[in-house]
Amino acid sequence: MLDNPSPALKLKGALTRRSAPHPLGELPDSLAVEIGKRICHRLAVGTADITGDDFGGIFAASISGEHRQKPLGVADVTWEGCAWSVKTVQDKSPFTQNRIRVISGRNSPEYSAGIHNALADIQATGTAVLGIWNARVNEALDQYDDLRIFIMVRSMSTLEFTLIEMEAVRYVAAEYIWKQNKANNLEGFDRETNTHRFTWQPHGSQFTVLHHVPASAYRFKIVRTPGVIEERHVLNLIHFEDSWIQPVKMPCLSGI
């Protein structure tokens, strides 16, 4: 080791890294409040559950970001130079669950890599599946300085929620070994620890990543349910009138 290491080099034309709304994984109380109040709104209008697309909109509104209708790579939500792949997972015990399965795309080795028999060489198929994920990460990072994964683990019955934020990483294919399970799905395991990390389903090409829930994850609970606003109150609030509904008569078509 050098006694006097050289200072960091300055590069001409280097991009200035733009800041995110909060440090990676350090979620402020205010973000939980913003997310929680939008969940309360949905409960109040009779929405019993939250889909992945719903949560993308909730998260984007909570950080004053943009919810992309067509994701760029894995980027669902953007805020200035930062982007997120946003997911929600249902679980009975969000506060105590330590591993979660997150559907992370439909990765088709046949379409992307010309592999027509996915089970003929499962190591090659697994490598292709990870390569598709890595390409999507690269596509997003071509446009954004910072790419993160944001996951909400939810229990709508107990109104308990866990928020997890992590860096979106590229996977090194050589670090994983693939095996075929009884359902003919492929499972990727860490070569060193033998930890199950991925599942890929030939039927539908669904790619699932298993994530560890860190102890530092942000947990919150909605302790007062808003109840559902009655239909008549909503109609009164929007000043609904019967004249808004007009019948449409179509011309008769001969021969039908």
Protein backbone atom coordinates (compact mmCIF):
# COMPACT_ATOMS: atom_id res chain seq x y z
CA MET A 1 0.00 0.00 0.00
CA LEU A 2 1.27 3.48 -0.81
CA ASP A 3 2.00 5.77 2.14
CA ASN A 4 0.70 8.80 0.25
CA PRO A 5 -2.07 7.65 -2.08
CA SER A 6 -2.82 9.90 -5.02
CA PRO A 7 -5.93 12.10 -4.82
CA ALA A 8 -8.94 11.22 -6.95
CA LEU A 9 -8.39 12.09 -10.59
CA LYS A 10 -10.46 14.83 -12.18
CA LEU A 11 -11.74 13.98 -15.64
CA LYS A 12 -12.66 16.43 -18.36
CA GLY A 13 -16.24 16.10 -19.50
CA ALA A 14 -17.25 14.00 -16.48
CA LEU A 15 -20.96 14.20 -15.68
CA THR A 16 -21.98 15.91 -12.47
CA ARG A 17 -23.87 13.36 -10.39
CA ARG A 18 -27.29 14.67 -9.44
CA SER A 19 -28.61 14.06 -5.95
CA ALA A 20 -31.57 11.80 -5.12
CA PRO A 21 -34.39 12.91 -2.77
CA HIS A 22 -32.77 10.89 0.06
CA PRO A 23 -29.63 8.78 0.61
CA LEU A 24 -29.87 5.18 -0.57
CA GLY A 25 -31.89 3.12 1.90
CA GLU A 26 -32.26 5.98 4.39
CA LEU A 27 -35.99 6.57 4.14
CA PRO A 28 -37.32 9.64 5.98
CA ASP A 29 -40.46 9.62 8.12
CA SER A 30 -42.00 12.12 5.72
CA LEU A 31 -41.87 9.58 2.87
CA ALA A 32 -43.80 7.00 4.92
CA VAL A 33 -46.42 9.67 5.70
CA GLU A 34 -46.77 10.56 2.02
CA ILE A 35 -47.14 6.91 1.04
CA GLY A 36 -49.46 6.16 3.96
CA LYS A 37 -51.86 9.01 3.25
CA ARG A 38 -52.24 7.88 -0.35
CA ILE A 39 -53.01 4.37 0.84
CA CYS A 40 -55.65 5.87 3.15
CA HIS A 41 -57.15 7.71 0.19
CA ARG A 42 -57.52 4.47 -1.72
CA LEU A 43 -59.08 2.76 1.27
CA ALA A 44 -61.54 5.64 1.61
CA VAL A 45 -62.79 5.25 -1.96
CA GLY A 46 -63.21 1.50 -1.60
CA THR A 47 -59.95 0.14 -3.03
CA ALA A 48 -59.23 -3.05 -1.09
CA ASP A 49 -55.75 -3.78 -2.42
CA ILE A 50 -52.83 -2.07 -4.16
CA THR A 51 -51.42 -3.37 -7.43
CA GLY A 52 -47.89 -2.84 -8.62
CA ASP A 53 -49.04 -0.12 -11.00
CA ASP A 54 -51.02 1.53 -8.18
CA PHE A 55 -47.93 1.60 -6.01
CA GLY A 56 -45.83 3.04 -8.82
CA GLY A 57 -48.24 5.98 -8.90
CA ILE A 58 -48.26 6.26 -5.11
CA PHE A 59 -44.48 6.31 -4.86
CA ALA A 60 -44.08 8.79 -7.72
CA ALA A 61 -46.60 11.19 -6.15
CA SER A 62 -44.94 10.79 -2.75
CA ILE A 63 -41.56 12.02 -4.03
CA SER A 64 -43.00 14.46 -6.61
CA GLY A 65 -41.56 12.27 -9.34
CA GLU A 66 -42.87 10.89 -12.62
CA HIS A 67 -44.53 7.50 -13.02
CA ARG A 68 -43.55 6.27 -16.46
CA GLN A 69 -46.37 4.54 -18.31
CA LYS A 70 -43.74 2.75 -20.38
CA PRO A 71 -40.69 1.89 -18.25
CA LEU A 72 -37.23 2.59 -19.60
CA GLY A 73 -35.30 -0.58 -18.88
CA VAL A 74 -36.38 -1.26 -15.31
CA ALA A 75 -37.04 2.41 -14.50
CA ASP A 76 -40.70 2.82 -13.47
CA VAL A 77 -40.43 6.08 -11.52
CA THR A 78 -38.02 8.96 -12.07
CA TRP A 79 -37.01 12.06 -10.13
CA GLU A 80 -34.45 14.33 -11.79
CA GLY A 81 -31.38 12.09 -12.28
CA CYS A 82 -32.61 9.19 -10.15
CA ALA A 83 -34.80 6.26 -11.21
CA TRP A 84 -36.49 3.38 -9.40
CA SER A 85 -37.86 -0.03 -10.25
CA VAL A 86 -40.92 -0.03 -7.99
CA LYS A 87 -42.53 -3.22 -6.71
CA THR A 88 -45.04 -4.30 -4.07
CA VAL A 89 -45.28 -7.74 -2.46
CA GLN A 90 -48.17 -9.12 -0.42
CA ASP A 91 -47.28 -10.87 2.84
CA LYS A 92 -49.15 -11.79 6.03
CA SER A 93 -46.31 -10.56 8.26
CA PRO A 94 -44.47 -7.60 6.70
CA PHE A 95 -42.72 -6.74 9.97
CA THR A 96 -41.11 -10.15 10.51
CA GLN A 97 -40.64 -11.52 6.99
CA ASN A 98 -36.92 -11.68 6.20
CA ARG A 99 -37.02 -12.90 2.57
CA ILE A 100 -39.33 -11.82 -0.22
CA ARG A 101 -39.95 -12.91 -3.80
CA VAL A 102 -40.17 -10.06 -6.27
CA ILE A 103 -41.38 -10.57 -9.83
CA SER A 104 -38.81 -8.61 -11.81
CA GLY A 105 -39.88 -8.94 -15.42
CA ARG A 106 -40.60 -11.40 -18.20
CA ASN A 107 -37.22 -12.45 -19.54
CA SER A 108 -37.49 -14.48 -22.73
CA PRO A 109 -34.23 -16.23 -23.74
CA GLU A 110 -35.97 -17.37 -26.92
CA TYR A 111 -36.75 -13.82 -28.02
CA SER A 112 -33.55 -12.20 -26.72
CA ALA A 113 -30.95 -14.93 -27.22
CA GLY A 114 -32.45 -17.38 -29.71
CA ILE A 115 -32.69 -20.21 -27.15
CA HIS A 116 -35.60 -22.33 -28.37
CA ASN A 117 -35.30 -25.18 -25.86
CA ALA A 118 -34.85 -23.58 -22.46
CA LEU A 119 -34.28 -26.91 -20.69
CA ALA A 120 -31.65 -28.29 -23.07
CA ASP A 121 -28.82 -26.35 -21.39
CA ILE A 122 -30.15 -24.77 -18.21
CA GLN A 123 -26.86 -23.02 -17.39
CA ALA A 124 -26.95 -21.24 -20.76
CA THR A 125 -30.61 -20.37 -20.23
CA GLY A 126 -29.93 -19.00 -16.74
CA THR A 127 -27.04 -16.93 -18.08
CA ALA A 128 -29.34 -15.50 -20.77
CA VAL A 129 -32.05 -14.68 -18.21
CA LEU A 130 -29.56 -12.71 -16.09
CA GLY A 131 -28.19 -11.07 -19.24
CA ILE A 132 -31.65 -9.71 -20.07
CA TRP A 133 -31.94 -8.21 -16.59
CA ASN A 134 -28.46 -6.68 -16.88
CA ALA A 135 -29.33 -5.18 -20.28
CA ARG A 136 -32.42 -3.52 -18.79
CA VAL A 137 -30.33 -2.08 -15.97
CA ASN A 138 -27.82 -0.78 -18.53
CA GLU A 139 -30.62 0.80 -20.56
CA ALA A 140 -31.87 2.72 -17.53
CA LEU A 141 -28.37 3.78 -16.44
CA ASP A 142 -27.73 5.20 -19.90
CA GLN A 143 -30.34 7.83 -19.03
CA TYR A 144 -30.13 8.15 -15.24
CA ASP A 145 -27.27 8.68 -12.78
CA ASP A 146 -28.75 6.50 -10.06
CA LEU A 147 -30.92 3.38 -10.32
CA ARG A 148 -32.62 1.87 -7.29
CA ILE A 149 -35.18 -0.78 -6.41
CA PHE A 150 -38.00 0.27 -4.10
CA ILE A 151 -40.24 -2.43 -2.62
CA MET A 152 -43.27 -2.18 -0.38
CA VAL A 153 -44.22 -5.36 1.49
CA ARG A 154 -47.89 -4.99 2.36
CA SER A 155 -50.61 -6.60 4.46
CA MET A 156 -53.91 -4.92 3.68
CA SER A 157 -55.68 -6.95 6.39
CA THR A 158 -53.46 -5.62 9.19
CA LEU A 159 -52.42 -2.39 7.40
CA GLU A 160 -48.77 -3.12 8.12
CA PHE A 161 -46.12 -2.10 5.61
CA THR A 162 -42.36 -2.49 5.15
CA LEU A 163 -40.41 -0.26 2.76
CA ILE A 164 -37.11 -1.43 1.28
CA GLU A 165 -34.75 0.48 -0.97
CA MET A 166 -31.60 -0.96 -2.54
CA GLU A 167 -29.30 -0.38 -5.47
CA ALA A 168 -30.28 -2.05 -8.74
CA VAL A 169 -27.28 -4.23 -9.49
CA ARG A 170 -26.08 -6.26 -12.46
CA TYR A 171 -25.63 -9.96 -11.77
CA VAL A 172 -22.44 -11.85 -12.69
CA ALA A 173 -23.64 -15.06 -14.33
CA ALA A 174 -20.56 -17.05 -13.27
CA GLU A 175 -21.49 -16.56 -9.61
CA TYR A 176 -24.69 -18.62 -9.93
CA ILE A 177 -25.56 -22.22 -10.73
CA TRP A 178 -28.97 -23.16 -12.13
CA LYS A 179 -31.04 -26.22 -11.28
CA GLN A 180 -34.36 -27.53 -12.56
CA ASN A 181 -37.06 -28.05 -9.92
CA LYS A 182 -40.00 -30.46 -9.86
CA ALA A 183 -42.23 -27.92 -11.61
CA ASN A 184 -39.69 -27.63 -14.47
CA ASN A 185 -38.85 -24.09 -13.42
CA LEU A 186 -35.21 -23.00 -13.24
CA GLU A 187 -33.75 -21.87 -9.92
CA GLY A 188 -30.52 -19.92 -9.60
CA PHE A 189 -28.31 -20.47 -6.54
CA ASP A 190 -25.29 -18.57 -5.27
CA ARG A 191 -22.28 -20.82 -5.92
CA GLU A 192 -20.56 -19.93 -2.62
CA THR A 193 -23.48 -19.95 -0.17
CA ASN A 194 -25.97 -22.16 -2.07
CA THR A 195 -28.60 -19.51 -1.35
CA HIS A 196 -31.63 -19.56 -3.67
CA ARG A 197 -31.57 -16.19 -5.48
CA PHE A 198 -33.67 -16.49 -8.65
CA THR A 199 -36.55 -18.42 -10.18
CA TRP A 200 -37.36 -18.41 -13.88
CA GLN A 201 -40.48 -20.02 -15.34
CA PRO A 202 -40.25 -21.32 -18.93
CA HIS A 203 -44.01 -20.95 -19.28
CA GLY A 204 -44.51 -17.18 -19.38
CA SER A 205 -40.79 -16.35 -18.92
CA GLN A 206 -41.43 -14.84 -15.49
CA PHE A 207 -38.22 -13.84 -13.69
CA THR A 208 -38.36 -13.68 -9.89
CA VAL A 209 -35.60 -12.37 -7.61
CA LEU A 210 -35.43 -13.35 -3.94
CA HIS A 211 -34.34 -10.44 -1.76
CA HIS A 212 -33.24 -10.32 1.86
CA VAL A 213 -35.19 -7.83 3.99
CA PRO A 214 -32.60 -5.78 5.90
CA ALA A 215 -33.07 -4.93 9.56
CA SER A 216 -32.84 -1.27 8.52
CA ALA A 217 -36.01 -1.51 6.38
CA TYR A 218 -38.63 1.13 7.23
CA ARG A 219 -41.77 -0.27 8.88
CA PHE A 220 -45.02 1.55 9.52
CA LYS A 221 -48.64 0.80 10.33
CA ILE A 222 -51.87 2.64 9.59
CA VAL A 223 -53.51 2.75 13.01
CA ARG A 224 -56.75 4.43 12.04
CA THR A 225 -58.80 3.18 9.12
CA PRO A 226 -60.65 5.88 7.20
CA GLY A 227 -63.71 3.80 6.34
CA VAL A 228 -65.28 3.85 2.89
CA ILE A 229 -66.93 7.06 1.72
CA GLU A 230 -70.54 6.34 0.76
CA GLU A 231 -71.42 6.61 -2.90
CA ARG A 232 -73.90 9.45 -2.34
CA HIS A 233 -71.25 11.56 -0.62
CA VAL A 234 -68.86 11.17 -3.55
CA LEU A 235 -71.61 12.07 -6.03
CA ASN A 236 -72.53 15.13 -3.96
CA LEU A 237 -68.88 16.16 -3.77
CA ILE A 238 -68.51 16.12 -7.55
CA HIS A 239 -71.94 17.80 -7.99
CA PHE A 240 -73.20 14.94 -10.14
CA GLU A 241 -76.35 15.56 -12.21
CA ASP A 242 -78.38 13.08 -14.19
CA SER A 243 -77.80 15.20 -17.31
CA TRP A 244 -74.18 13.97 -17.33
CA ILE A 245 -75.47 10.66 -18.67
CA GLN A 246 -76.75 10.83 -22.23
CA PRO A 247 -78.10 7.88 -24.27
CA VAL A 248 -76.44 7.23 -27.60
CA LYS A 249 -78.53 5.77 -30.42
CA MET A 250 -76.69 3.99 -33.17
CA PRO A 251 -78.06 3.84 -36.74
CA CYS A 252 -79.49 0.51 -37.79
CA LEU A 253 -77.13 -1.38 -40.06
CA SER A 254 -78.71 -3.36 -42.90
CA GLY A 255 -77.98 -7.04 -43.07
CA ILE A 256 -77.43 -7.47 -39.36
